[in-house]
C-alpha cells in the first residue's frame, strides 16, 4: 500500500474531480490518495464520485474551508 497526495488547492470544479479521476487510474488496489481541496463544490463532488466507484472515502476538515479527502482504492 502506498499513499499519494494530490494538491487541488485553489482549483474550482470540475478540475479537482478530473485530476482525482486521472490519478486514481494510476493507483493499485489498496493505495490511498489524499486530495487537498478548498472548494466546496469539489468537497461534494470528489467524495461522491469516489463512493460511486466503490472506493473507501473519509473527509477531514483540516482548516476552515480546507479539506482532505482520503480515498482508498478498493477495485
PDB file of N, CA and C in Angstrom:
ATOM      1  N   UNK A   1       0.838  -1.186   0.000  1.00  0.00           N
ATOM      2  CA  UNK A   1       0.000   0.000   0.000  1.00  0.00           C
ATOM      3  C   UNK A   1       0.882   1.248   0.000  1.00  0.00           C
ATOM      4  N   UNK A   2       0.559   2.170  -0.871  1.00  0.00           N
ATOM      5  CA  UNK A   2       1.290   3.431  -0.949  1.00  0.00           C
ATOM      6  C   UNK A   2       0.307   4.582  -0.766  1.00  0.00           C
ATOM      7  N   UNK A   3       0.827   5.717  -0.324  1.00  0.00           N
ATOM      8  CA  UNK A   3      -0.021   6.899  -0.148  1.00  0.00           C
ATOM      9  C   UNK A   3       0.470   7.995  -1.077  1.00  0.00           C
ATOM     10  N   UNK A   4      -0.482   8.615  -1.762  1.00  0.00           N
ATOM     11  CA  UNK A   4      -0.181   9.688  -2.700  1.00  0.00           C
ATOM     12  C   UNK A   4      -0.984  10.921  -2.305  1.00  0.00           C
ATOM     13  N   UNK A   5      -0.455  12.096  -2.617  1.00  0.00           N
ATOM     14  CA  UNK A   5      -1.142  13.346  -2.312  1.00  0.00           C
ATOM     15  C   UNK A   5      -1.391  14.101  -3.607  1.00  0.00           C
ATOM     16  N   UNK A   6      -2.594  14.659  -3.710  1.00  0.00           N
ATOM     17  CA  UNK A   6      -2.965  15.463  -4.871  1.00  0.00           C
ATOM     18  C   UNK A   6      -3.405  16.830  -4.352  1.00  0.00           C
ATOM     19  N   UNK A   7      -2.635  17.862  -4.668  1.00  0.00           N
ATOM     20  CA  UNK A   7      -2.926  19.213  -4.194  1.00  0.00           C
ATOM     21  C   UNK A   7      -3.825  19.928  -5.198  1.00  0.00           C
ATOM     22  N   UNK A   8      -5.079  20.096  -4.815  1.00  0.00           N
ATOM     23  CA  UNK A   8      -6.042  20.799  -5.672  1.00  0.00           C
ATOM     24  C   UNK A   8      -6.485  22.109  -5.037  1.00  0.00           C
ATOM     25  N   UNK A   9      -5.657  22.661  -4.164  1.00  0.00           N
ATOM     26  CA  UNK A   9      -5.991  23.914  -3.502  1.00  0.00           C
ATOM     27  C   UNK A   9      -6.076  25.034  -4.534  1.00  0.00           C
ATOM     28  N   UNK A  10      -7.136  25.828  -4.444  1.00  0.00           N
ATOM     29  CA  UNK A  10      -7.316  26.954  -5.350  1.00  0.00           C
ATOM     30  C   UNK A  10      -7.931  26.588  -6.683  1.00  0.00           C
ATOM     31  N   UNK A  11      -8.242  25.303  -6.875  1.00  0.00           N
ATOM     32  CA  UNK A  11      -8.825  24.873  -8.148  1.00  0.00           C
ATOM     33  C   UNK A  11     -10.323  24.692  -8.011  1.00  0.00           C
ATOM     34  N   UNK A  12     -11.071  25.235  -8.966  1.00  0.00           N
ATOM     35  CA  UNK A  12     -12.531  25.152  -8.952  1.00  0.00           C
ATOM     36  C   UNK A  12     -13.002  23.955  -9.774  1.00  0.00           C
ATOM     37  N   UNK A  13     -14.229  23.548  -9.520  1.00  0.00           N
ATOM     38  CA  UNK A  13     -14.833  22.435 -10.268  1.00  0.00           C
ATOM     39  C   UNK A  13     -14.863  22.780 -11.752  1.00  0.00           C
ATOM     40  N   UNK A  14     -14.662  21.792 -12.594  1.00  0.00           N
ATOM     41  CA  UNK A  14     -14.525  20.362 -12.309  1.00  0.00           C
ATOM     42  C   UNK A  14     -13.077  19.885 -12.229  1.00  0.00           C
ATOM     43  N   UNK A  15     -12.107  20.798 -12.122  1.00  0.00           N
ATOM     44  CA  UNK A  15     -10.693  20.419 -12.187  1.00  0.00           C
ATOM     45  C   UNK A  15     -10.294  19.407 -11.100  1.00  0.00           C
ATOM     46  N   UNK A  16     -10.632  19.614  -9.817  1.00  0.00           N
ATOM     47  CA  UNK A  16     -10.228  18.616  -8.808  1.00  0.00           C
ATOM     48  C   UNK A  16     -10.779  17.222  -9.095  1.00  0.00           C
ATOM     49  N   UNK A  17     -12.011  17.140  -9.551  1.00  0.00           N
ATOM     50  CA  UNK A  17     -12.606  15.843  -9.859  1.00  0.00           C
ATOM     51  C   UNK A  17     -11.884  15.188 -11.035  1.00  0.00           C
ATOM     52  N   UNK A  18     -11.600  15.953 -12.062  1.00  0.00           N
ATOM     53  CA  UNK A  18     -10.910  15.403 -13.237  1.00  0.00           C
ATOM     54  C   UNK A  18      -9.510  14.915 -12.867  1.00  0.00           C
ATOM     55  N   UNK A  19      -8.805  15.682 -12.051  1.00  0.00           N
ATOM     56  CA  UNK A  19      -7.458  15.288 -11.629  1.00  0.00           C
ATOM     57  C   UNK A  19      -7.502  14.046 -10.739  1.00  0.00           C
ATOM     58  N   UNK A  20      -8.526  13.968  -9.879  1.00  0.00           N
ATOM     59  CA  UNK A  20      -8.683  12.807  -8.999  1.00  0.00           C
ATOM     60  C   UNK A  20      -8.966  11.551  -9.820  1.00  0.00           C
ATOM     61  N   UNK A  21      -9.884  11.661 -10.766  1.00  0.00           N
ATOM     62  CA  UNK A  21     -10.215  10.512 -11.627  1.00  0.00           C
ATOM     63  C   UNK A  21      -8.962  10.006 -12.340  1.00  0.00           C
ATOM     64  N   UNK A  22      -8.172  10.917 -12.899  1.00  0.00           N
ATOM     65  CA  UNK A  22      -6.965  10.535 -13.636  1.00  0.00           C
ATOM     66  C   UNK A  22      -5.963   9.863 -12.705  1.00  0.00           C
ATOM     67  N   UNK A  23      -5.743  10.443 -11.530  1.00  0.00           N
ATOM     68  CA  UNK A  23      -4.753   9.903 -10.594  1.00  0.00           C
ATOM     69  C   UNK A  23      -5.173   8.521 -10.095  1.00  0.00           C
ATOM     70  N   UNK A  24      -6.460   8.314  -9.856  1.00  0.00           N
ATOM     71  CA  UNK A  24      -6.930   7.028  -9.346  1.00  0.00           C
ATOM     72  C   UNK A  24      -6.653   5.898 -10.329  1.00  0.00           C
ATOM     73  N   UNK A  25      -6.618   6.195 -11.634  1.00  0.00           N
ATOM     74  CA  UNK A  25      -6.334   5.145 -12.619  1.00  0.00           C
ATOM     75  C   UNK A  25      -4.884   4.671 -12.514  1.00  0.00           C
ATOM     76  N   UNK A  26      -4.013   5.492 -11.930  1.00  0.00           N
ATOM     77  CA  UNK A  26      -2.597   5.153 -11.798  1.00  0.00           C
ATOM     78  C   UNK A  26      -2.301   4.350 -10.537  1.00  0.00           C
ATOM     79  N   UNK A  27      -3.255   4.305  -9.592  1.00  0.00           N
ATOM     80  CA  UNK A  27      -3.039   3.645  -8.313  1.00  0.00           C
ATOM     81  C   UNK A  27      -3.370   2.163  -8.368  1.00  0.00           C
ATOM     82  N   UNK A  28      -2.750   1.408  -7.483  1.00  0.00           N
ATOM     83  CA  UNK A  28      -3.042  -0.013  -7.319  1.00  0.00           C
ATOM     84  C   UNK A  28      -4.075  -0.188  -6.212  1.00  0.00           C
ATOM     85  N   UNK A  29      -4.757  -1.322  -6.220  1.00  0.00           N
ATOM     86  CA  UNK A  29      -5.719  -1.627  -5.159  1.00  0.00           C
ATOM     87  C   UNK A  29      -4.991  -1.575  -3.814  1.00  0.00           C
ATOM     88  N   UNK A  30      -5.603  -0.906  -2.842  1.00  0.00           N
ATOM     89  CA  UNK A  30      -5.004  -0.747  -1.517  1.00  0.00           C
ATOM     90  C   UNK A  30      -4.266   0.560  -1.340  1.00  0.00           C
ATOM     91  N   UNK A  31      -3.930   1.226  -2.441  1.00  0.00           N
ATOM     92  CA  UNK A  31      -3.266   2.527  -2.357  1.00  0.00           C
ATOM     93  C   UNK A  31      -4.252   3.580  -1.869  1.00  0.00           C
ATOM     94  N   UNK A  32      -3.704   4.640  -1.290  1.00  0.00           N
ATOM     95  CA  UNK A  32      -4.517   5.728  -0.745  1.00  0.00           C
ATOM     96  C   UNK A  32      -4.135   7.030  -1.430  1.00  0.00           C
ATOM     97  N   UNK A  33      -5.151   7.789  -1.813  1.00  0.00           N
ATOM     98  CA  UNK A  33      -4.953   9.111  -2.396  1.00  0.00           C
ATOM     99  C   UNK A  33      -5.558  10.144  -1.465  1.00  0.00           C
ATOM    100  N   UNK A  34      -4.741  11.124  -1.058  1.00  0.00           N
ATOM    101  CA  UNK A  34      -5.213  12.219  -0.217  1.00  0.00           C
ATOM    102  C   UNK A  34      -5.341  13.449  -1.114  1.00  0.00           C
ATOM    103  N   UNK A  35      -6.577  13.911  -1.286  1.00  0.00           N
ATOM    104  CA  UNK A  35      -6.844  15.058  -2.156  1.00  0.00           C
ATOM    105  C   UNK A  35      -7.085  16.285  -1.282  1.00  0.00           C
ATOM    106  N   UNK A  36      -6.224  17.284  -1.397  1.00  0.00           N
ATOM    107  CA  UNK A  36      -6.369  18.532  -0.651  1.00  0.00           C
ATOM    108  C   UNK A  36      -7.197  19.501  -1.489  1.00  0.00           C
ATOM    109  N   UNK A  37      -8.326  19.944  -0.920  1.00  0.00           N
ATOM    110  CA  UNK A  37      -9.216  20.844  -1.660  1.00  0.00           C
ATOM    111  C   UNK A  37      -9.699  21.980  -0.769  1.00  0.00           C
ATOM    112  N   UNK A  38     -10.050  23.092  -1.396  1.00  0.00           N
ATOM    113  CA  UNK A  38     -10.591  24.234  -0.661  1.00  0.00           C
ATOM    114  C   UNK A  38     -11.792  24.839  -1.393  1.00  0.00           C
ATOM    115  N   UNK A  39     -12.424  24.029  -2.200  1.00  0.00           N
ATOM    116  CA  UNK A  39     -13.591  24.484  -2.957  1.00  0.00           C
ATOM    117  C   UNK A  39     -14.773  23.609  -2.560  1.00  0.00           C
ATOM    118  N   UNK A  40     -15.847  24.226  -2.072  1.00  0.00           N
ATOM    119  CA  UNK A  40     -16.966  23.454  -1.522  1.00  0.00           C
ATOM    120  C   UNK A  40     -17.629  22.535  -2.542  1.00  0.00           C
ATOM    121  N   UNK A  41     -17.637  22.942  -3.797  1.00  0.00           N
ATOM    122  CA  UNK A  41     -18.210  22.106  -4.851  1.00  0.00           C
ATOM    123  C   UNK A  41     -17.404  20.816  -4.989  1.00  0.00           C
ATOM    124  N   UNK A  42     -16.085  20.931  -4.982  1.00  0.00           N
ATOM    125  CA  UNK A  42     -15.218  19.755  -5.088  1.00  0.00           C
ATOM    126  C   UNK A  42     -15.335  18.889  -3.846  1.00  0.00           C
ATOM    127  N   UNK A  43     -15.556  19.513  -2.691  1.00  0.00           N
ATOM    128  CA  UNK A  43     -15.689  18.761  -1.447  1.00  0.00           C
ATOM    129  C   UNK A  43     -16.907  17.839  -1.512  1.00  0.00           C
ATOM    130  N   UNK A  44     -17.885  18.203  -2.321  1.00  0.00           N
ATOM    131  CA  UNK A  44     -19.067  17.360  -2.509  1.00  0.00           C
ATOM    132  C   UNK A  44     -18.839  16.364  -3.654  1.00  0.00           C
ATOM    133  N   UNK A  45     -18.339  16.838  -4.782  1.00  0.00           N
ATOM    134  CA  UNK A  45     -18.225  16.016  -5.988  1.00  0.00           C
ATOM    135  C   UNK A  45     -17.172  14.916  -5.907  1.00  0.00           C
ATOM    136  N   UNK A  46     -16.009  15.216  -5.340  1.00  0.00           N
ATOM    137  CA  UNK A  46     -14.926  14.230  -5.309  1.00  0.00           C
ATOM    138  C   UNK A  46     -15.304  13.010  -4.460  1.00  0.00           C
ATOM    139  N   UNK A  47     -15.758  13.202  -3.198  1.00  0.00           N
ATOM    140  CA  UNK A  47     -16.138  12.024  -2.408  1.00  0.00           C
ATOM    141  C   UNK A  47     -17.331  11.274  -3.009  1.00  0.00           C
ATOM    142  N   UNK A  48     -18.286  12.006  -3.557  1.00  0.00           N
ATOM    143  CA  UNK A  48     -19.461  11.374  -4.171  1.00  0.00           C
ATOM    144  C   UNK A  48     -19.034  10.468  -5.332  1.00  0.00           C
ATOM    145  N   UNK A  49     -18.156  10.968  -6.185  1.00  0.00           N
ATOM    146  CA  UNK A  49     -17.663  10.176  -7.310  1.00  0.00           C
ATOM    147  C   UNK A  49     -16.927   8.936  -6.810  1.00  0.00           C
ATOM    148  N   UNK A  50     -16.039   9.124  -5.825  1.00  0.00           N
ATOM    149  CA  UNK A  50     -15.222   8.010  -5.323  1.00  0.00           C
ATOM    150  C   UNK A  50     -16.097   6.914  -4.712  1.00  0.00           C
ATOM    151  N   UNK A  51     -17.121   7.307  -3.980  1.00  0.00           N
ATOM    152  CA  UNK A  51     -18.020   6.313  -3.375  1.00  0.00           C
ATOM    153  C   UNK A  51     -18.787   5.547  -4.455  1.00  0.00           C
ATOM    154  N   UNK A  52     -19.215   6.254  -5.483  1.00  0.00           N
ATOM    155  CA  UNK A  52     -19.931   5.589  -6.577  1.00  0.00           C
ATOM    156  C   UNK A  52     -19.036   4.588  -7.295  1.00  0.00           C
ATOM    157  N   UNK A  53     -17.730   4.828  -7.283  1.00  0.00           N
ATOM    158  CA  UNK A  53     -16.776   3.905  -7.898  1.00  0.00           C
ATOM    159  C   UNK A  53     -16.474   2.721  -6.977  1.00  0.00           C
ATOM    160  N   UNK A  54     -16.970   2.780  -5.740  1.00  0.00           N
ATOM    161  CA  UNK A  54     -16.778   1.686  -4.801  1.00  0.00           C
ATOM    162  C   UNK A  54     -15.578   1.834  -3.881  1.00  0.00           C
ATOM    163  N   UNK A  55     -14.937   2.994  -3.875  1.00  0.00           N
ATOM    164  CA  UNK A  55     -13.760   3.211  -3.037  1.00  0.00           C
ATOM    165  C   UNK A  55     -14.174   3.626  -1.626  1.00  0.00           C
ATOM    166  N   UNK A  56     -13.272   3.398  -0.666  1.00  0.00           N
ATOM    167  CA  UNK A  56     -13.481   3.864   0.698  1.00  0.00           C
ATOM    168  C   UNK A  56     -13.097   5.338   0.767  1.00  0.00           C
ATOM    169  N   UNK A  57     -13.936   6.143   1.422  1.00  0.00           N
ATOM    170  CA  UNK A  57     -13.715   7.592   1.459  1.00  0.00           C
ATOM    171  C   UNK A  57     -13.869   8.119   2.878  1.00  0.00           C
ATOM    172  N   UNK A  58     -12.929   8.976   3.275  1.00  0.00           N
ATOM    173  CA  UNK A  58     -13.034   9.715   4.527  1.00  0.00           C
ATOM    174  C   UNK A  58     -12.751  11.178   4.214  1.00  0.00           C
ATOM    175  N   UNK A  59     -13.460  12.068   4.912  1.00  0.00           N
ATOM    176  CA  UNK A  59     -13.269  13.502   4.709  1.00  0.00           C
ATOM    177  C   UNK A  59     -12.830  14.108   6.034  1.00  0.00           C
ATOM    178  N   UNK A  60     -11.777  14.890   5.976  1.00  0.00           N
ATOM    179  CA  UNK A  60     -11.269  15.543   7.174  1.00  0.00           C
ATOM    180  C   UNK A  60     -11.137  17.036   6.891  1.00  0.00           C
ATOM    181  N   UNK A  61     -11.766  17.844   7.743  1.00  0.00           N
ATOM    182  CA  UNK A  61     -11.607  19.295   7.598  1.00  0.00           C
ATOM    183  C   UNK A  61     -10.330  19.686   8.337  1.00  0.00           C
ATOM    184  N   UNK A  62      -9.338  20.135   7.603  1.00  0.00           N
ATOM    185  CA  UNK A  62      -8.038  20.441   8.193  1.00  0.00           C
ATOM    186  C   UNK A  62      -7.925  21.901   8.627  1.00  0.00           C
ATOM    187  N   UNK A  63      -8.789  22.737   8.075  1.00  0.00           N
ATOM    188  CA  UNK A  63      -8.818  24.156   8.433  1.00  0.00           C
ATOM    189  C   UNK A  63     -10.171  24.681   7.979  1.00  0.00           C
ATOM    190  N   UNK A  64     -10.474  25.899   8.326  1.00  0.00           N
ATOM    191  CA  UNK A  64     -11.749  26.478   7.917  1.00  0.00           C
ATOM    192  C   UNK A  64     -11.797  26.579   6.399  1.00  0.00           C
ATOM    193  N   UNK A  65     -12.664  25.786   5.774  1.00  0.00           N
ATOM    194  CA  UNK A  65     -12.792  25.815   4.321  1.00  0.00           C
ATOM    195  C   UNK A  65     -11.745  25.026   3.570  1.00  0.00           C
ATOM    196  N   UNK A  66     -10.974  24.192   4.276  1.00  0.00           N
ATOM    197  CA  UNK A  66      -9.973  23.347   3.637  1.00  0.00           C
ATOM    198  C   UNK A  66     -10.176  21.910   4.096  1.00  0.00           C
ATOM    199  N   UNK A  67     -10.192  20.987   3.130  1.00  0.00           N
ATOM    200  CA  UNK A  67     -10.452  19.594   3.442  1.00  0.00           C
ATOM    201  C   UNK A  67      -9.414  18.686   2.817  1.00  0.00           C
ATOM    202  N   UNK A  68      -9.279  17.505   3.423  1.00  0.00           N
ATOM    203  CA  UNK A  68      -8.531  16.418   2.810  1.00  0.00           C
ATOM    204  C   UNK A  68      -9.508  15.282   2.592  1.00  0.00           C
ATOM    205  N   UNK A  69      -9.636  14.850   1.363  1.00  0.00           N
ATOM    206  CA  UNK A  69     -10.487  13.716   1.023  1.00  0.00           C
ATOM    207  C   UNK A  69      -9.543  12.522   0.861  1.00  0.00           C
ATOM    208  N   UNK A  70      -9.696  11.548   1.739  1.00  0.00           N
ATOM    209  CA  UNK A  70      -8.830  10.373   1.734  1.00  0.00           C
ATOM    210  C   UNK A  70      -9.575   9.243   1.032  1.00  0.00           C
ATOM    211  N   UNK A  71      -9.026   8.783  -0.078  1.00  0.00           N
ATOM    212  CA  UNK A  71      -9.676   7.756  -0.905  1.00  0.00           C
ATOM    213  C   UNK A  71      -8.778   6.525  -0.945  1.00  0.00           C
ATOM    214  N   UNK A  72      -9.337   5.390  -0.524  1.00  0.00           N
ATOM    215  CA  UNK A  72      -8.611   4.128  -0.607  1.00  0.00           C
ATOM    216  C   UNK A  72      -9.158   3.350  -1.804  1.00  0.00           C
ATOM    217  N   UNK A  73      -8.288   3.013  -2.735  1.00  0.00           N
ATOM    218  CA  UNK A  73      -8.707   2.276  -3.921  1.00  0.00           C
ATOM    219  C   UNK A  73      -8.979   0.823  -3.542  1.00  0.00           C
ATOM    220  N   UNK A  74     -10.214   0.374  -3.827  1.00  0.00           N
ATOM    221  CA  UNK A  74     -10.572  -0.993  -3.451  1.00  0.00           C
ATOM    222  C   UNK A  74     -10.821  -1.884  -4.651  1.00  0.00           C
ATOM    223  N   UNK A  75     -10.887  -1.323  -5.848  1.00  0.00           N
ATOM    224  CA  UNK A  75     -11.050  -2.175  -7.036  1.00  0.00           C
ATOM    225  C   UNK A  75     -10.511  -1.494  -8.263  1.00  0.00           C
TER     226      UNK A  75
END
